[in-house]
Every structure is written in structure tokens, then in C-alpha cells.
Amino acid sequence: MKRLALLFLLIGWQDVWSTPDQRGQRLMAAGRYAEAAAEFADPMRRGVAQFRAGDFKAAAETFGGIDIADAAYDQGTALIMLGKYDEAIQRLDQALALRPGWADAMANRALAAARGAKINKSGSDAGDQREGADQIVYDKDKKSGGQDTRTEGAMSDQSVRALWLKRIEPRPAEFLRSRFLFQLEQKP
């Protein structure tokens, strides 16, 4: 009896009777996304955990094997994060075919198309990322000693992704996930 009690203490009593998806969900709730991805048996949950862990390539592959609107949308989003805009557009088109009029999929498709067009036009990931702005304002104030504080050059792909994340309006849980992933990427 003591050995059985010791076994429960060592491996955790919750994990003895829980399914892989239950263990994965517990890890997700704790913010341990990479570990959760390894636990999940359900491919949709595994893909979400991979995406939250920042493993966009693995998430795109996982979602690619699922033929439902949510998976097509999630794969398209992961492909956007990887900079594969043409593939993202195709997958978002599939999501829209499965769920016509889906506002989030249409918005992400438009973003992917705009970004892809900009890259194709410039021939690289560099270039002026300010198109679509109503007005470009350069700040000269007392804090900077009256000097011109504008920065020249292109935004990095990471900056564009951060801007994209700020523009989307997902559910609160999705917003927090996106925000935390961005913050993790910013840490050295």
C-alpha cells in the first residue's frame, strides 16, 4: 500500500487516470504550451498548443492534416506568421469556402494578400511598410531636444507581425495568447 501511495506522489495522482488531452489541457492552463503540444492526442488542440508555443511551422503542419474551417483558418494564420503569404491565402480561401462570410478569415486573408503583394512588388521583405497610413507624422518635441525623431528604413518582419497582432480583434483568450507570444519573442 505504501508503494502505491508513493507511486501516486511521484507521478501525480491526476495523471494516473487522466487522458492525454486532459493532461495537455492542464499544461495549457499552466502556460506550458510546448509540453502540452506533446501531450495532446487531439490534433486541433495540439496545433493550438504548438501555435501558442511559437512553433508556427509545426502548427501549420498539424493544422494541414485537418479538413475543417477552423483548422484551415489556424493554418493560414500560422503560415502568415511564417511569412508564407501565398500559401496562407490559399488556406484562408479554403476556410472561407467551408465557412462563407467568416469575418476573421476575410481580414487575415486581406492582410496576407497585402503583405504578399508588398513583398512581390519590392522583391524582398524590405521596403516601406507605411502604406495605408492616413498621415505620417514626425515628432519634434522637447524630449528629443527638438531633433527629428523619425527613423529611416524598413520595418522588420517581426515588427510587421507585431503590428498585425495589434490590429486583429480576437476573443480575449486569443488576444492574451498573441500578446504573450509577442512578449516572449521580444525577450533576449
N, C-alpha and C. Protein backbone atom coordinates (compact mmCIF):
# COMPACT_ATOMS: atom_id res chain seq x y z
N MET A 1 0.82 -1.19 0.00
CA MET A 1 0.00 0.00 0.00
C MET A 1 0.87 1.26 0.00
N LYS A 2 1.97 1.21 0.76
CA LYS A 2 2.86 2.36 0.80
C LYS A 2 3.49 2.62 -0.56
N ARG A 3 3.78 1.55 -1.28
CA ARG A 3 4.38 1.71 -2.61
C ARG A 3 3.40 2.37 -3.57
N LEU A 4 2.15 1.99 -3.48
CA LEU A 4 1.13 2.59 -4.34
C LEU A 4 0.98 4.08 -4.03
N ALA A 5 0.98 4.43 -2.76
CA ALA A 5 0.89 5.83 -2.36
C ALA A 5 2.11 6.61 -2.84
N LEU A 6 3.28 6.01 -2.73
CA LEU A 6 4.50 6.65 -3.20
C LEU A 6 4.45 6.86 -4.71
N LEU A 7 3.93 5.87 -5.43
CA LEU A 7 3.80 5.97 -6.88
C LEU A 7 2.89 7.14 -7.25
N PHE A 8 1.77 7.30 -6.56
CA PHE A 8 0.86 8.41 -6.81
C PHE A 8 1.55 9.75 -6.57
N LEU A 9 2.35 9.81 -5.53
CA LEU A 9 3.05 11.05 -5.22
C LEU A 9 4.10 11.38 -6.28
N LEU A 10 4.79 10.36 -6.77
CA LEU A 10 5.85 10.58 -7.75
C LEU A 10 5.32 11.01 -9.12
N ILE A 11 4.27 10.38 -9.58
CA ILE A 11 3.78 10.70 -10.91
C ILE A 11 2.60 11.64 -10.90
N GLY A 12 2.07 11.94 -9.76
CA GLY A 12 0.93 12.83 -9.66
C GLY A 12 -0.37 12.05 -9.79
N TRP A 13 -1.22 12.17 -8.83
CA TRP A 13 -2.44 11.38 -8.83
C TRP A 13 -3.36 11.76 -9.98
N GLN A 14 -3.33 13.00 -10.44
CA GLN A 14 -4.21 13.42 -11.53
C GLN A 14 -3.85 12.71 -12.84
N ASP A 15 -2.57 12.47 -13.05
CA ASP A 15 -2.14 11.89 -14.31
C ASP A 15 -2.38 10.39 -14.41
N VAL A 16 -2.69 9.76 -13.31
CA VAL A 16 -2.92 8.32 -13.32
C VAL A 16 -4.16 7.98 -14.14
N TRP A 17 -5.25 8.73 -13.95
CA TRP A 17 -6.49 8.42 -14.63
C TRP A 17 -6.85 9.41 -15.73
N SER A 18 -6.03 10.39 -15.98
CA SER A 18 -6.38 11.40 -16.98
C SER A 18 -5.94 10.96 -18.38
N THR A 19 -6.65 11.48 -19.36
CA THR A 19 -6.34 11.20 -20.76
C THR A 19 -5.23 12.14 -21.22
N PRO A 20 -4.61 11.85 -22.34
CA PRO A 20 -3.59 12.77 -22.86
C PRO A 20 -4.14 14.19 -23.07
N ASP A 21 -5.38 14.29 -23.54
CA ASP A 21 -5.97 15.62 -23.75
C ASP A 21 -6.20 16.35 -22.43
N GLN A 22 -6.56 15.62 -21.39
CA GLN A 22 -6.73 16.26 -20.08
C GLN A 22 -5.39 16.74 -19.53
N ARG A 23 -4.35 15.92 -19.70
CA ARG A 23 -3.02 16.34 -19.25
C ARG A 23 -2.56 17.55 -20.06
N GLY A 24 -2.80 17.52 -21.35
CA GLY A 24 -2.43 18.65 -22.20
C GLY A 24 -3.17 19.92 -21.81
N GLN A 25 -4.45 19.79 -21.49
CA GLN A 25 -5.23 20.96 -21.09
C GLN A 25 -4.71 21.55 -19.78
N ARG A 26 -4.31 20.68 -18.85
CA ARG A 26 -3.74 21.17 -17.59
C ARG A 26 -2.44 21.93 -17.85
N LEU A 27 -1.62 21.41 -18.77
CA LEU A 27 -0.37 22.10 -19.11
C LEU A 27 -0.64 23.42 -19.81
N MET A 28 -1.67 23.45 -20.68
CA MET A 28 -2.04 24.70 -21.35
C MET A 28 -2.44 25.75 -20.32
N ALA A 29 -3.24 25.34 -19.35
CA ALA A 29 -3.69 26.27 -18.32
C ALA A 29 -2.52 26.81 -17.51
N ALA A 30 -1.46 26.03 -17.41
CA ALA A 30 -0.27 26.47 -16.68
C ALA A 30 0.68 27.26 -17.58
N GLY A 31 0.33 27.41 -18.85
CA GLY A 31 1.18 28.18 -19.77
C GLY A 31 2.37 27.40 -20.30
N ARG A 32 2.35 26.10 -20.17
CA ARG A 32 3.44 25.24 -20.63
C ARG A 32 3.04 24.63 -21.98
N TYR A 33 3.03 25.49 -23.01
CA TYR A 33 2.46 25.15 -24.30
C TYR A 33 3.22 24.06 -25.05
N ALA A 34 4.54 24.10 -25.03
CA ALA A 34 5.32 23.09 -25.75
C ALA A 34 5.08 21.71 -25.14
N GLU A 35 5.02 21.64 -23.83
CA GLU A 35 4.75 20.37 -23.16
C GLU A 35 3.33 19.89 -23.46
N ALA A 36 2.41 20.84 -23.49
CA ALA A 36 1.01 20.50 -23.78
C ALA A 36 0.90 19.93 -25.19
N ALA A 37 1.61 20.52 -26.13
CA ALA A 37 1.57 20.03 -27.52
C ALA A 37 2.02 18.58 -27.60
N ALA A 38 3.00 18.23 -26.80
CA ALA A 38 3.50 16.85 -26.81
C ALA A 38 2.48 15.88 -26.20
N GLU A 39 1.62 16.37 -25.32
CA GLU A 39 0.64 15.51 -24.64
C GLU A 39 -0.63 15.29 -25.45
N PHE A 40 -1.11 16.33 -26.11
CA PHE A 40 -2.42 16.26 -26.76
C PHE A 40 -2.51 15.14 -27.80
N ALA A 41 -3.61 14.41 -27.76
CA ALA A 41 -3.91 13.42 -28.80
C ALA A 41 -4.76 14.08 -29.89
N ASP A 42 -5.60 15.03 -29.51
CA ASP A 42 -6.46 15.74 -30.45
C ASP A 42 -5.60 16.69 -31.29
N PRO A 43 -5.58 16.52 -32.62
CA PRO A 43 -4.70 17.35 -33.45
C PRO A 43 -5.03 18.84 -33.40
N MET A 44 -6.29 19.22 -33.26
CA MET A 44 -6.62 20.65 -33.17
C MET A 44 -6.01 21.26 -31.92
N ARG A 45 -6.16 20.58 -30.80
CA ARG A 45 -5.58 21.08 -29.55
C ARG A 45 -4.06 21.10 -29.63
N ARG A 46 -3.49 20.07 -30.25
CA ARG A 46 -2.03 20.02 -30.41
C ARG A 46 -1.56 21.21 -31.25
N GLY A 47 -2.27 21.50 -32.34
CA GLY A 47 -1.90 22.63 -33.19
C GLY A 47 -1.99 23.96 -32.47
N VAL A 48 -3.04 24.13 -31.67
CA VAL A 48 -3.19 25.37 -30.90
C VAL A 48 -2.03 25.51 -29.91
N ALA A 49 -1.68 24.42 -29.25
CA ALA A 49 -0.56 24.46 -28.29
C ALA A 49 0.75 24.78 -29.00
N GLN A 50 0.97 24.20 -30.17
CA GLN A 50 2.19 24.49 -30.94
C GLN A 50 2.21 25.96 -31.34
N PHE A 51 1.07 26.48 -31.77
CA PHE A 51 0.99 27.89 -32.16
C PHE A 51 1.30 28.79 -30.97
N ARG A 52 0.70 28.48 -29.83
CA ARG A 52 0.94 29.29 -28.63
C ARG A 52 2.38 29.20 -28.15
N ALA A 53 3.01 28.08 -28.42
CA ALA A 53 4.42 27.91 -28.05
C ALA A 53 5.34 28.64 -29.03
N GLY A 54 4.78 29.15 -30.10
CA GLY A 54 5.58 29.86 -31.09
C GLY A 54 6.18 28.96 -32.16
N ASP A 55 5.79 27.69 -32.17
CA ASP A 55 6.27 26.74 -33.17
C ASP A 55 5.29 26.76 -34.34
N PHE A 56 5.35 27.83 -35.14
CA PHE A 56 4.40 28.05 -36.21
C PHE A 56 4.52 27.00 -37.31
N LYS A 57 5.73 26.51 -37.56
CA LYS A 57 5.93 25.50 -38.60
C LYS A 57 5.21 24.21 -38.21
N ALA A 58 5.42 23.76 -36.99
CA ALA A 58 4.75 22.53 -36.52
C ALA A 58 3.24 22.72 -36.49
N ALA A 59 2.79 23.90 -36.06
CA ALA A 59 1.35 24.18 -36.02
C ALA A 59 0.76 24.13 -37.42
N ALA A 60 1.44 24.72 -38.39
CA ALA A 60 0.95 24.70 -39.77
C ALA A 60 0.85 23.27 -40.29
N GLU A 61 1.83 22.46 -39.98
CA GLU A 61 1.80 21.06 -40.41
C GLU A 61 0.65 20.30 -39.74
N THR A 62 0.45 20.54 -38.47
CA THR A 62 -0.62 19.85 -37.74
C THR A 62 -1.98 20.25 -38.28
N PHE A 63 -2.21 21.55 -38.44
CA PHE A 63 -3.49 22.03 -38.95
C PHE A 63 -3.72 21.59 -40.40
N GLY A 64 -2.64 21.39 -41.15
CA GLY A 64 -2.76 20.98 -42.55
C GLY A 64 -3.39 19.61 -42.72
N GLY A 65 -3.33 18.79 -41.71
CA GLY A 65 -3.90 17.46 -41.79
C GLY A 65 -5.36 17.38 -41.38
N ILE A 66 -5.98 18.52 -41.12
CA ILE A 66 -7.36 18.54 -40.64
C ILE A 66 -8.20 19.32 -41.65
N ASP A 67 -9.32 18.76 -42.05
CA ASP A 67 -10.13 19.38 -43.10
C ASP A 67 -11.42 19.98 -42.53
N ILE A 68 -11.26 20.98 -41.66
CA ILE A 68 -12.40 21.75 -41.16
C ILE A 68 -12.05 23.22 -41.25
N ALA A 69 -13.04 24.07 -41.18
CA ALA A 69 -12.83 25.51 -41.35
C ALA A 69 -11.86 26.08 -40.32
N ASP A 70 -12.01 25.69 -39.05
CA ASP A 70 -11.14 26.22 -38.00
C ASP A 70 -9.68 25.86 -38.26
N ALA A 71 -9.43 24.64 -38.71
CA ALA A 71 -8.06 24.21 -38.98
C ALA A 71 -7.48 24.98 -40.17
N ALA A 72 -8.30 25.20 -41.19
CA ALA A 72 -7.83 25.96 -42.36
C ALA A 72 -7.47 27.38 -41.95
N TYR A 73 -8.31 27.97 -41.12
CA TYR A 73 -8.05 29.33 -40.62
C TYR A 73 -6.78 29.38 -39.78
N ASP A 74 -6.65 28.43 -38.85
CA ASP A 74 -5.48 28.41 -37.98
C ASP A 74 -4.20 28.14 -38.76
N GLN A 75 -4.28 27.25 -39.77
CA GLN A 75 -3.09 27.01 -40.59
C GLN A 75 -2.73 28.26 -41.38
N GLY A 76 -3.74 28.94 -41.93
CA GLY A 76 -3.48 30.19 -42.65
C GLY A 76 -2.80 31.21 -41.76
N THR A 77 -3.25 31.32 -40.52
CA THR A 77 -2.65 32.26 -39.58
C THR A 77 -1.20 31.88 -39.27
N ALA A 78 -0.95 30.59 -39.08
CA ALA A 78 0.42 30.12 -38.81
C ALA A 78 1.32 30.40 -40.02
N LEU A 79 0.78 30.21 -41.22
CA LEU A 79 1.57 30.49 -42.43
C LEU A 79 1.87 31.97 -42.57
N ILE A 80 0.95 32.82 -42.15
CA ILE A 80 1.23 34.26 -42.15
C ILE A 80 2.40 34.55 -41.22
N MET A 81 2.38 33.94 -40.05
CA MET A 81 3.46 34.16 -39.09
C MET A 81 4.80 33.66 -39.62
N LEU A 82 4.77 32.68 -40.52
CA LEU A 82 5.99 32.16 -41.14
C LEU A 82 6.41 32.97 -42.37
N GLY A 83 5.56 33.91 -42.78
CA GLY A 83 5.87 34.71 -43.96
C GLY A 83 5.53 34.02 -45.27
N LYS A 84 4.73 32.97 -45.23
CA LYS A 84 4.32 32.23 -46.43
C LYS A 84 2.93 32.72 -46.83
N TYR A 85 2.90 33.91 -47.42
CA TYR A 85 1.64 34.60 -47.66
C TYR A 85 0.78 33.95 -48.74
N ASP A 86 1.38 33.48 -49.82
CA ASP A 86 0.60 32.84 -50.88
C ASP A 86 -0.07 31.57 -50.38
N GLU A 87 0.66 30.76 -49.63
CA GLU A 87 0.09 29.54 -49.05
C GLU A 87 -1.01 29.89 -48.04
N ALA A 88 -0.78 30.97 -47.28
CA ALA A 88 -1.78 31.39 -46.30
C ALA A 88 -3.07 31.81 -46.99
N ILE A 89 -2.95 32.51 -48.09
CA ILE A 89 -4.14 32.94 -48.83
C ILE A 89 -4.93 31.72 -49.32
N GLN A 90 -4.23 30.73 -49.84
CA GLN A 90 -4.91 29.52 -50.31
C GLN A 90 -5.66 28.83 -49.17
N ARG A 91 -5.02 28.72 -48.04
CA ARG A 91 -5.65 28.02 -46.91
C ARG A 91 -6.80 28.85 -46.34
N LEU A 92 -6.66 30.18 -46.31
CA LEU A 92 -7.75 31.03 -45.83
C LEU A 92 -8.91 31.00 -46.81
N ASP A 93 -8.63 30.88 -48.11
CA ASP A 93 -9.70 30.71 -49.09
C ASP A 93 -10.47 29.42 -48.82
N GLN A 94 -9.76 28.38 -48.44
CA GLN A 94 -10.41 27.12 -48.10
C GLN A 94 -11.29 27.29 -46.86
N ALA A 95 -10.80 28.03 -45.87
CA ALA A 95 -11.60 28.29 -44.67
C ALA A 95 -12.88 29.03 -45.04
N LEU A 96 -12.76 29.99 -45.95
CA LEU A 96 -13.93 30.76 -46.37
C LEU A 96 -14.89 29.91 -47.20
N ALA A 97 -14.36 28.94 -47.95
CA ALA A 97 -15.23 28.04 -48.71
C ALA A 97 -16.03 27.16 -47.75
N LEU A 98 -15.40 26.76 -46.65
CA LEU A 98 -16.07 25.92 -45.67
C LEU A 98 -17.01 26.71 -44.76
N ARG A 99 -16.67 27.99 -44.53
CA ARG A 99 -17.50 28.86 -43.69
C ARG A 99 -17.59 30.23 -44.36
N PRO A 100 -18.49 30.37 -45.34
CA PRO A 100 -18.61 31.63 -46.08
C PRO A 100 -18.93 32.82 -45.16
N GLY A 101 -18.32 33.95 -45.50
CA GLY A 101 -18.59 35.18 -44.77
C GLY A 101 -17.89 35.31 -43.43
N TRP A 102 -16.93 34.45 -43.14
CA TRP A 102 -16.21 34.48 -41.86
C TRP A 102 -15.33 35.73 -41.83
N ALA A 103 -15.69 36.67 -41.00
CA ALA A 103 -15.03 37.98 -40.96
C ALA A 103 -13.55 37.88 -40.60
N ASP A 104 -13.20 37.06 -39.62
CA ASP A 104 -11.80 36.93 -39.22
C ASP A 104 -10.95 36.36 -40.34
N ALA A 105 -11.49 35.36 -41.05
CA ALA A 105 -10.75 34.76 -42.15
C ALA A 105 -10.58 35.76 -43.30
N MET A 106 -11.62 36.56 -43.56
CA MET A 106 -11.51 37.57 -44.62
C MET A 106 -10.47 38.63 -44.25
N ALA A 107 -10.45 39.03 -42.98
CA ALA A 107 -9.48 40.03 -42.54
C ALA A 107 -8.05 39.50 -42.64
N ASN A 108 -7.83 38.26 -42.20
CA ASN A 108 -6.49 37.68 -42.28
C ASN A 108 -6.07 37.46 -43.73
N ARG A 109 -7.02 37.10 -44.58
CA ARG A 109 -6.71 36.92 -46.00
C ARG A 109 -6.29 38.25 -46.61
N ALA A 110 -6.98 39.32 -46.26
CA ALA A 110 -6.63 40.65 -46.78
C ALA A 110 -5.24 41.06 -46.31
N LEU A 111 -4.92 40.78 -45.05
CA LEU A 111 -3.59 41.10 -44.53
C LEU A 111 -2.50 40.30 -45.25
N ALA A 112 -2.75 39.01 -45.46
CA ALA A 112 -1.78 38.17 -46.16
C ALA A 112 -1.59 38.63 -47.60
N ALA A 113 -2.69 38.99 -48.25
CA ALA A 113 -2.61 39.45 -49.63
C ALA A 113 -1.84 40.76 -49.72
N ALA A 114 -2.11 41.69 -48.81
CA ALA A 114 -1.41 42.97 -48.83
C ALA A 114 0.09 42.79 -48.57
N ARG A 115 0.40 41.98 -47.60
CA ARG A 115 1.81 41.74 -47.27
C ARG A 115 2.52 41.01 -48.41
N GLY A 116 1.87 40.00 -48.98
CA GLY A 116 2.44 39.28 -50.11
C GLY A 116 2.64 40.17 -51.32
N ALA A 117 1.68 41.06 -51.59
CA ALA A 117 1.80 41.98 -52.71
C ALA A 117 2.96 42.94 -52.50
N LYS A 118 3.13 43.39 -51.28
CA LYS A 118 4.23 44.31 -50.97
C LYS A 118 5.58 43.62 -51.17
N ILE A 119 5.69 42.38 -50.74
CA ILE A 119 6.95 41.65 -50.91
C ILE A 119 7.21 41.38 -52.38
N ASN A 120 6.18 40.96 -53.11
CA ASN A 120 6.35 40.70 -54.54
C ASN A 120 6.71 41.97 -55.31
N LYS A 121 6.15 43.08 -54.89
CA LYS A 121 6.42 44.37 -55.55
C LYS A 121 7.86 44.81 -55.31
N SER A 122 8.32 44.68 -54.08
CA SER A 122 9.67 45.14 -53.74
C SER A 122 10.73 44.09 -54.02
N GLY A 123 10.30 42.84 -54.14
CA GLY A 123 11.25 41.76 -54.42
C GLY A 123 11.96 41.26 -53.18
N SER A 124 11.62 41.76 -52.03
CA SER A 124 12.21 41.30 -50.78
C SER A 124 11.27 41.60 -49.64
N ASP A 125 11.70 41.25 -48.45
CA ASP A 125 10.90 41.52 -47.27
C ASP A 125 11.15 42.95 -46.78
N ALA A 126 12.04 43.65 -47.41
CA ALA A 126 12.34 45.03 -47.01
C ALA A 126 11.46 45.97 -47.80
N GLY A 127 11.39 47.18 -47.34
CA GLY A 127 10.62 48.19 -48.05
C GLY A 127 9.83 49.01 -47.08
N ASP A 128 9.14 49.99 -47.61
CA ASP A 128 8.36 50.90 -46.79
C ASP A 128 7.07 50.21 -46.38
N GLN A 129 6.90 50.02 -45.09
CA GLN A 129 5.74 49.31 -44.56
C GLN A 129 4.62 50.28 -44.16
N ARG A 130 4.71 51.53 -44.57
CA ARG A 130 3.78 52.52 -44.06
C ARG A 130 2.58 52.74 -44.96
N GLU A 131 2.41 51.95 -46.04
CA GLU A 131 1.27 52.19 -46.90
C GLU A 131 -0.02 51.98 -46.13
N GLY A 132 -1.02 52.72 -46.53
CA GLY A 132 -2.31 52.63 -45.87
C GLY A 132 -2.44 53.60 -44.71
N ALA A 133 -1.39 54.29 -44.35
CA ALA A 133 -1.47 55.25 -43.25
C ALA A 133 -2.19 56.50 -43.75
N ASP A 134 -3.04 57.06 -42.89
CA ASP A 134 -3.72 58.30 -43.26
C ASP A 134 -2.74 59.45 -43.33
N GLN A 135 -1.79 59.45 -42.43
CA GLN A 135 -0.84 60.53 -42.36
C GLN A 135 0.40 60.04 -41.63
N ILE A 136 1.55 60.45 -42.08
CA ILE A 136 2.79 60.13 -41.40
C ILE A 136 3.24 61.38 -40.69
N VAL A 137 3.39 61.28 -39.37
CA VAL A 137 3.74 62.43 -38.56
C VAL A 137 5.11 62.20 -37.95
N TYR A 138 5.99 63.16 -38.07
CA TYR A 138 7.31 63.09 -37.46
C TYR A 138 7.28 63.96 -36.21
N ASP A 139 7.78 63.42 -35.13
CA ASP A 139 7.68 64.05 -33.83
C ASP A 139 8.93 64.86 -33.53
N LYS A 140 8.75 66.14 -33.36
CA LYS A 140 9.82 67.00 -32.87
C LYS A 140 9.28 67.63 -31.59
N ASP A 141 9.82 67.22 -30.47
CA ASP A 141 9.32 67.75 -29.21
C ASP A 141 10.48 68.09 -28.28
N LYS A 142 10.15 68.58 -27.13
CA LYS A 142 11.16 68.99 -26.17
C LYS A 142 11.94 67.80 -25.62
N LYS A 143 11.32 66.64 -25.54
CA LYS A 143 12.00 65.47 -25.01
C LYS A 143 13.21 65.09 -25.85
N SER A 144 13.10 65.29 -27.15
CA SER A 144 14.21 64.91 -28.02
C SER A 144 15.09 66.12 -28.34
N GLY A 145 14.88 67.19 -27.63
CA GLY A 145 15.68 68.37 -27.87
C GLY A 145 15.36 69.03 -29.20
N GLY A 146 14.16 68.81 -29.71
CA GLY A 146 13.76 69.41 -30.96
C GLY A 146 14.32 68.71 -32.18
N GLN A 147 15.00 67.60 -31.97
CA GLN A 147 15.57 66.89 -33.10
C GLN A 147 14.52 66.02 -33.77
N ASP A 148 14.73 65.75 -35.03
CA ASP A 148 13.83 64.90 -35.79
C ASP A 148 13.97 63.47 -35.27
N THR A 149 12.86 62.89 -34.80
CA THR A 149 12.92 61.57 -34.20
C THR A 149 12.47 60.46 -35.15
N ARG A 150 12.28 60.76 -36.42
CA ARG A 150 11.85 59.72 -37.34
C ARG A 150 12.97 58.72 -37.58
N THR A 151 12.58 57.53 -37.90
CA THR A 151 13.57 56.50 -38.21
C THR A 151 13.43 56.13 -39.67
N GLU A 152 14.53 56.00 -40.33
CA GLU A 152 14.52 55.62 -41.74
C GLU A 152 14.68 54.12 -41.85
N GLY A 153 14.24 53.57 -42.94
CA GLY A 153 14.42 52.15 -43.18
C GLY A 153 13.12 51.38 -43.02
N ALA A 154 13.19 50.13 -43.34
CA ALA A 154 12.01 49.28 -43.34
C ALA A 154 11.78 48.65 -41.98
N MET A 155 10.55 48.29 -41.76
CA MET A 155 10.22 47.53 -40.56
C MET A 155 10.65 46.09 -40.78
N SER A 156 11.11 45.47 -39.73
CA SER A 156 11.47 44.06 -39.83
C SER A 156 10.19 43.23 -39.93
N ASP A 157 10.35 41.99 -40.35
CA ASP A 157 9.19 41.10 -40.44
C ASP A 157 8.59 40.88 -39.06
N GLN A 158 9.43 40.86 -38.03
CA GLN A 158 8.94 40.70 -36.66
C GLN A 158 8.08 41.90 -36.27
N SER A 159 8.49 43.10 -36.68
CA SER A 159 7.72 44.30 -36.37
C SER A 159 6.38 44.29 -37.10
N VAL A 160 6.40 43.81 -38.33
CA VAL A 160 5.16 43.72 -39.10
C VAL A 160 4.21 42.74 -38.43
N ARG A 161 4.75 41.62 -37.96
CA ARG A 161 3.91 40.63 -37.26
C ARG A 161 3.33 41.24 -35.99
N ALA A 162 4.14 42.00 -35.27
CA ALA A 162 3.66 42.63 -34.04
C ALA A 162 2.54 43.61 -34.37
N LEU A 163 2.71 44.38 -35.44
CA LEU A 163 1.67 45.31 -35.86
C LEU A 163 0.41 44.56 -36.26
N TRP A 164 0.59 43.45 -36.96
CA TRP A 164 -0.55 42.63 -37.37
C TRP A 164 -1.30 42.11 -36.15
N LEU A 165 -0.55 41.65 -35.14
CA LEU A 165 -1.18 41.13 -33.94
C LEU A 165 -1.98 42.21 -33.22
N LYS A 166 -1.49 43.45 -33.28
CA LYS A 166 -2.20 44.55 -32.63
C LYS A 166 -3.50 44.88 -33.36
N ARG A 167 -3.56 44.64 -34.67
CA ARG A 167 -4.72 45.04 -35.46
C ARG A 167 -5.85 44.03 -35.40
N ILE A 168 -5.57 42.79 -35.08
CA ILE A 168 -6.65 41.81 -35.04
C ILE A 168 -7.41 41.94 -33.73
N GLU A 169 -8.67 41.57 -33.76
CA GLU A 169 -9.51 41.65 -32.57
C GLU A 169 -10.10 40.28 -32.28
N PRO A 170 -9.30 39.35 -31.77
CA PRO A 170 -9.82 38.02 -31.47
C PRO A 170 -10.52 37.99 -30.12
N ARG A 171 -10.95 36.82 -29.76
CA ARG A 171 -11.54 36.63 -28.42
C ARG A 171 -10.49 37.00 -27.38
N PRO A 172 -10.90 37.37 -26.17
CA PRO A 172 -9.94 37.78 -25.14
C PRO A 172 -8.83 36.77 -24.89
N ALA A 173 -9.17 35.51 -24.85
CA ALA A 173 -8.15 34.49 -24.60
C ALA A 173 -7.14 34.45 -25.74
N GLU A 174 -7.61 34.60 -26.97
CA GLU A 174 -6.72 34.59 -28.13
C GLU A 174 -5.85 35.85 -28.13
N PHE A 175 -6.44 36.99 -27.74
CA PHE A 175 -5.66 38.22 -27.68
C PHE A 175 -4.52 38.08 -26.69
N LEU A 176 -4.81 37.54 -25.51
CA LEU A 176 -3.78 37.38 -24.49
C LEU A 176 -2.70 36.42 -24.97
N ARG A 177 -3.08 35.34 -25.62
CA ARG A 177 -2.12 34.38 -26.15
C ARG A 177 -1.18 35.07 -27.14
N SER A 178 -1.76 35.84 -28.07
CA SER A 178 -0.96 36.54 -29.07
C SER A 178 -0.02 37.55 -28.41
N ARG A 179 -0.53 38.25 -27.45
CA ARG A 179 0.27 39.27 -26.76
C ARG A 179 1.43 38.63 -26.01
N PHE A 180 1.17 37.52 -25.30
CA PHE A 180 2.23 36.85 -24.55
C PHE A 180 3.28 36.26 -25.48
N LEU A 181 2.86 35.70 -26.61
CA LEU A 181 3.82 35.17 -27.58
C LEU A 181 4.73 36.29 -28.09
N PHE A 182 4.13 37.43 -28.38
CA PHE A 182 4.91 38.56 -28.85
C PHE A 182 5.91 39.01 -27.79
N GLN A 183 5.47 39.08 -26.54
CA GLN A 183 6.36 39.50 -25.46
C GLN A 183 7.50 38.50 -25.27
N LEU A 184 7.22 37.21 -25.41
CA LEU A 184 8.27 36.21 -25.29
C LEU A 184 9.31 36.36 -26.39
N GLU A 185 8.86 36.69 -27.60
CA GLU A 185 9.79 36.89 -28.72
C GLU A 185 10.69 38.10 -28.49
N GLN A 186 10.20 39.09 -27.75
CA GLN A 186 10.95 40.32 -27.53
C GLN A 186 12.05 40.16 -26.48
N LYS A 187 11.94 39.14 -25.62
CA LYS A 187 12.95 38.94 -24.58
C LYS A 187 14.23 38.42 -25.20
N PRO A 188 15.40 38.92 -24.72
CA PRO A 188 16.68 38.46 -25.31
C PRO A 188 16.98 37.02 -24.99
